[in-house]
N, C-alpha and C. Protein backbone atom coordinates (compact mmCIF):
# COMPACT_ATOMS: atom_id res chain seq x y z
N MET A 1 104.04 62.31 62.41
CA MET A 1 104.72 62.73 63.59
C MET A 1 106.23 62.58 63.47
N SER A 2 106.92 63.63 63.77
CA SER A 2 108.36 63.24 63.88
C SER A 2 109.03 62.92 65.20
N ASP A 3 110.02 62.15 65.25
CA ASP A 3 110.54 61.75 66.54
C ASP A 3 111.66 62.84 67.01
N GLU A 4 111.55 63.89 66.43
CA GLU A 4 112.50 65.16 66.92
C GLU A 4 112.16 65.49 68.32
N LYS A 5 113.12 65.77 69.09
CA LYS A 5 112.90 66.31 70.35
C LYS A 5 112.84 67.85 70.38
N SER A 6 111.85 68.24 71.07
CA SER A 6 111.74 69.87 71.08
C SER A 6 112.62 70.45 72.10
N THR A 7 113.19 71.53 71.88
CA THR A 7 114.04 72.14 72.73
C THR A 7 113.43 73.44 73.35
N ASP A 8 113.45 73.56 74.56
CA ASP A 8 112.83 74.85 75.11
C ASP A 8 113.95 75.82 75.54
N HIS A 9 113.88 76.87 75.30
CA HIS A 9 114.99 77.93 75.57
C HIS A 9 114.31 78.86 76.67
N TYR A 10 115.06 79.14 77.67
CA TYR A 10 114.52 80.08 78.86
C TYR A 10 115.54 81.29 79.01
N THR A 11 115.13 82.25 79.29
CA THR A 11 115.77 83.41 79.74
C THR A 11 115.67 83.74 81.12
N LEU A 12 116.91 83.61 81.83
CA LEU A 12 116.78 83.79 83.26
C LEU A 12 116.94 85.30 83.45
N LEU A 13 116.09 85.89 84.34
CA LEU A 13 116.11 87.33 84.71
C LEU A 13 116.66 87.40 86.27
N CYS A 14 117.52 88.22 86.54
CA CYS A 14 118.00 88.44 87.84
C CYS A 14 116.76 88.96 88.73
N ASP A 15 116.64 88.22 89.74
CA ASP A 15 115.65 88.89 90.88
C ASP A 15 115.94 90.15 91.44
N ASP A 16 117.17 90.46 91.69
CA ASP A 16 117.66 91.59 92.30
C ASP A 16 118.78 92.16 91.47
N PRO A 17 118.52 93.15 90.57
CA PRO A 17 119.88 93.77 90.03
C PRO A 17 120.60 94.59 90.78
N SER A 18 121.85 94.62 90.56
CA SER A 18 122.79 95.40 91.47
C SER A 18 122.41 96.87 91.32
N HIS A 19 122.78 97.44 92.50
CA HIS A 19 122.55 98.79 92.87
C HIS A 19 123.87 99.61 93.26
N GLU A 20 123.83 100.88 93.05
CA GLU A 20 124.94 101.70 93.53
C GLU A 20 124.55 102.86 94.45
N VAL A 21 125.43 103.22 95.33
CA VAL A 21 125.17 104.40 96.19
C VAL A 21 125.93 105.60 95.91
N VAL A 22 125.19 106.68 95.79
CA VAL A 22 125.71 107.83 95.31
C VAL A 22 125.64 108.83 96.30
N LEU A 23 126.63 109.52 96.74
CA LEU A 23 126.84 110.62 97.64
C LEU A 23 126.68 111.85 96.76
N ILE A 24 125.51 112.72 97.06
CA ILE A 24 125.21 113.89 96.41
C ILE A 24 125.88 115.03 96.97
N ASP A 25 125.65 115.10 98.27
CA ASP A 25 126.30 116.32 99.05
C ASP A 25 126.59 115.88 100.51
N CYS A 26 127.55 116.61 101.15
CA CYS A 26 127.92 116.16 102.51
C CYS A 26 126.91 116.73 103.52
N GLY A 27 126.32 117.77 103.18
CA GLY A 27 125.35 118.63 103.99
C GLY A 27 126.10 119.32 104.83
N PRO A 28 125.26 119.99 105.97
CA PRO A 28 126.03 120.85 106.99
C PRO A 28 127.02 120.23 107.85
N ARG A 29 126.95 118.93 108.02
CA ARG A 29 127.88 118.31 109.06
C ARG A 29 128.72 117.46 108.37
N GLU A 30 129.79 118.10 107.83
CA GLU A 30 130.79 117.40 107.02
C GLU A 30 131.52 116.41 107.68
N THR A 31 132.04 116.57 108.85
CA THR A 31 132.74 115.65 109.65
C THR A 31 131.99 114.31 109.83
N ASP A 32 130.61 114.56 110.27
CA ASP A 32 129.85 113.42 110.41
C ASP A 32 129.67 112.71 109.07
N ALA A 33 129.53 113.33 107.92
CA ALA A 33 129.41 112.64 106.67
C ALA A 33 130.74 111.84 106.42
N ILE A 34 131.78 112.45 106.63
CA ILE A 34 133.06 111.82 106.28
C ILE A 34 133.20 110.55 107.13
N ARG A 35 132.76 110.69 108.40
CA ARG A 35 132.74 109.39 109.04
C ARG A 35 131.88 108.35 108.58
N ALA A 36 130.69 108.79 108.07
CA ALA A 36 129.71 107.91 107.60
C ALA A 36 130.24 107.26 106.38
N VAL A 37 130.84 107.93 105.42
CA VAL A 37 131.49 107.49 104.24
C VAL A 37 132.52 106.26 104.62
N ARG A 38 133.30 106.73 105.63
CA ARG A 38 134.18 105.64 106.12
C ARG A 38 133.56 104.46 106.57
N LYS A 39 132.54 104.56 107.39
CA LYS A 39 131.71 103.37 107.82
C LYS A 39 131.10 102.62 106.66
N VAL A 40 130.60 103.26 105.61
CA VAL A 40 130.03 102.31 104.65
C VAL A 40 131.06 101.72 103.53
N THR A 41 132.10 102.45 103.48
CA THR A 41 133.02 101.97 102.40
C THR A 41 134.24 101.18 102.95
N GLY A 42 134.65 101.62 104.13
CA GLY A 42 135.77 100.83 104.70
C GLY A 42 136.95 101.40 104.45
N VAL A 43 137.02 102.73 103.74
CA VAL A 43 138.39 103.10 103.38
C VAL A 43 138.84 104.10 104.49
N SER A 44 140.10 104.57 104.43
CA SER A 44 140.73 105.29 105.53
C SER A 44 139.85 106.65 105.62
N LEU A 45 140.19 107.26 106.59
CA LEU A 45 139.58 108.57 107.04
C LEU A 45 140.05 109.58 106.01
N TRP A 46 141.31 109.54 105.58
CA TRP A 46 141.66 110.47 104.54
C TRP A 46 141.11 110.46 103.24
N HIS A 47 140.85 109.10 102.73
CA HIS A 47 140.23 108.80 101.63
C HIS A 47 138.90 109.20 101.65
N SER A 48 138.26 108.95 102.80
CA SER A 48 136.87 109.16 102.81
C SER A 48 136.55 110.64 102.82
N ARG A 49 137.55 111.49 103.31
CA ARG A 49 137.30 112.98 103.14
C ARG A 49 137.40 113.25 101.71
N LEU A 50 138.42 112.76 100.95
CA LEU A 50 138.55 113.23 99.64
C LEU A 50 137.32 112.72 98.79
N LEU A 51 136.74 111.50 99.05
CA LEU A 51 135.53 111.23 98.48
C LEU A 51 134.34 112.12 98.62
N ALA A 52 134.32 112.51 100.02
CA ALA A 52 133.22 113.43 100.36
C ALA A 52 133.15 114.55 99.67
N ARG A 53 134.41 115.23 99.45
CA ARG A 53 134.66 116.52 98.89
C ARG A 53 134.52 116.54 97.44
N GLN A 54 134.43 115.25 96.91
CA GLN A 54 134.21 115.20 95.41
C GLN A 54 132.82 115.06 94.99
N ALA A 55 131.92 115.07 95.87
CA ALA A 55 130.49 114.90 95.67
C ALA A 55 129.97 115.68 94.55
N PRO A 56 129.17 115.21 93.57
CA PRO A 56 128.56 113.97 93.69
C PRO A 56 129.56 112.84 93.28
N VAL A 57 129.62 111.72 93.98
CA VAL A 57 130.45 110.61 93.54
C VAL A 57 129.68 109.36 94.00
N THR A 58 130.04 108.28 93.15
CA THR A 58 129.54 106.89 93.50
C THR A 58 130.42 106.26 94.42
N LEU A 59 129.77 105.89 95.61
CA LEU A 59 130.66 105.36 96.66
C LEU A 59 130.80 103.83 96.54
N LEU A 60 129.74 103.24 96.33
CA LEU A 60 129.58 101.70 96.29
C LEU A 60 128.81 101.28 94.97
N GLU A 61 129.28 100.16 94.56
CA GLU A 61 128.69 99.49 93.30
C GLU A 61 128.42 98.04 93.56
N GLY A 62 127.51 97.35 92.89
CA GLY A 62 127.18 95.94 92.85
C GLY A 62 126.59 95.50 94.24
N LEU A 63 125.80 96.42 94.74
CA LEU A 63 125.06 96.02 95.93
C LEU A 63 123.58 95.40 95.72
N SER A 64 123.08 94.75 96.65
CA SER A 64 121.71 94.31 96.56
C SER A 64 120.96 95.71 97.06
N ALA A 65 119.64 95.63 96.91
CA ALA A 65 118.76 96.61 97.12
C ALA A 65 118.78 96.90 98.67
N TYR A 66 118.81 95.82 99.45
CA TYR A 66 118.87 96.01 100.91
C TYR A 66 120.07 96.76 101.40
N ARG A 67 121.30 96.27 100.92
CA ARG A 67 122.60 96.79 101.30
C ARG A 67 122.72 98.15 100.88
N ALA A 68 122.28 98.54 99.68
CA ALA A 68 122.25 99.96 99.17
C ALA A 68 121.34 100.87 100.02
N GLN A 69 120.08 100.46 100.25
CA GLN A 69 119.30 101.24 101.26
C GLN A 69 119.95 101.43 102.55
N SER A 70 120.64 100.36 103.09
CA SER A 70 121.17 100.58 104.53
C SER A 70 122.39 101.42 104.42
N ALA A 71 123.13 101.49 103.39
CA ALA A 71 124.28 102.44 103.27
C ALA A 71 123.82 103.79 103.12
N VAL A 72 122.64 104.11 102.37
CA VAL A 72 122.10 105.38 102.24
C VAL A 72 121.63 105.90 103.51
N ALA A 73 120.96 105.07 104.28
CA ALA A 73 120.35 105.41 105.54
C ALA A 73 121.50 105.86 106.50
N VAL A 74 122.58 105.24 106.57
CA VAL A 74 123.78 105.64 107.22
C VAL A 74 124.31 107.01 106.91
N LEU A 75 124.31 107.14 105.77
CA LEU A 75 124.80 108.45 105.17
C LEU A 75 123.76 109.58 105.56
N ARG A 76 122.52 109.14 105.31
CA ARG A 76 121.55 110.27 105.54
C ARG A 76 121.48 110.59 107.17
N SER A 77 121.55 109.66 107.93
CA SER A 77 121.69 109.83 109.42
C SER A 77 122.84 110.80 109.85
N ALA A 78 123.80 111.01 109.00
CA ALA A 78 124.81 111.87 109.31
C ALA A 78 124.72 113.10 108.63
N GLY A 79 123.60 113.49 108.09
CA GLY A 79 123.38 114.70 107.50
C GLY A 79 123.65 114.89 106.14
N ALA A 80 124.01 113.80 105.33
CA ALA A 80 124.53 113.78 103.96
C ALA A 80 123.34 113.67 103.10
N ARG A 81 123.39 114.14 101.89
CA ARG A 81 122.38 113.64 100.87
C ARG A 81 122.92 112.65 100.01
N ALA A 82 122.21 111.54 99.88
CA ALA A 82 122.70 110.27 99.24
C ALA A 82 121.50 109.61 98.64
N GLU A 83 121.68 108.83 97.67
CA GLU A 83 120.61 108.04 97.10
C GLU A 83 121.12 106.83 96.53
N TRP A 84 120.33 105.69 96.26
CA TRP A 84 120.72 104.44 95.80
C TRP A 84 119.94 104.33 94.36
N ARG A 85 120.71 103.79 93.45
CA ARG A 85 120.18 103.71 92.04
C ARG A 85 120.49 102.34 91.54
N GLN A 86 119.58 101.79 90.72
CA GLN A 86 119.87 100.56 90.06
C GLN A 86 120.89 100.80 88.91
N GLU A 87 122.01 99.96 88.96
CA GLU A 87 122.99 100.14 87.94
C GLU A 87 122.59 99.78 86.55
N PRO A 88 122.88 100.76 85.49
CA PRO A 88 122.42 100.47 84.19
C PRO A 88 122.89 99.10 83.66
N GLU A 89 122.22 98.49 82.76
CA GLU A 89 122.46 97.30 82.09
C GLU A 89 123.71 97.46 81.18
N PRO A 90 124.60 96.61 81.09
CA PRO A 90 125.83 96.72 80.24
C PRO A 90 125.39 96.67 78.80
């Protein structure tokens, strides 16, 4: 028997990978969708309008699943089409 110490290696996996929120379409109520974009992103109303008109566009990145789902719920309640996705591995 050898007196060498064994070394264990572990790979840690992230429990909650980061997610992104994608605005697909403003829907029929563009003004409400622009206000919702402003609410979830915190950017100015003018910048929110630019983002909304560029749809499909990624609005937020690096969120937990809960925060991404919450942001999508706000956007959908304003009549916009939005979805949350798991960010691809680098």
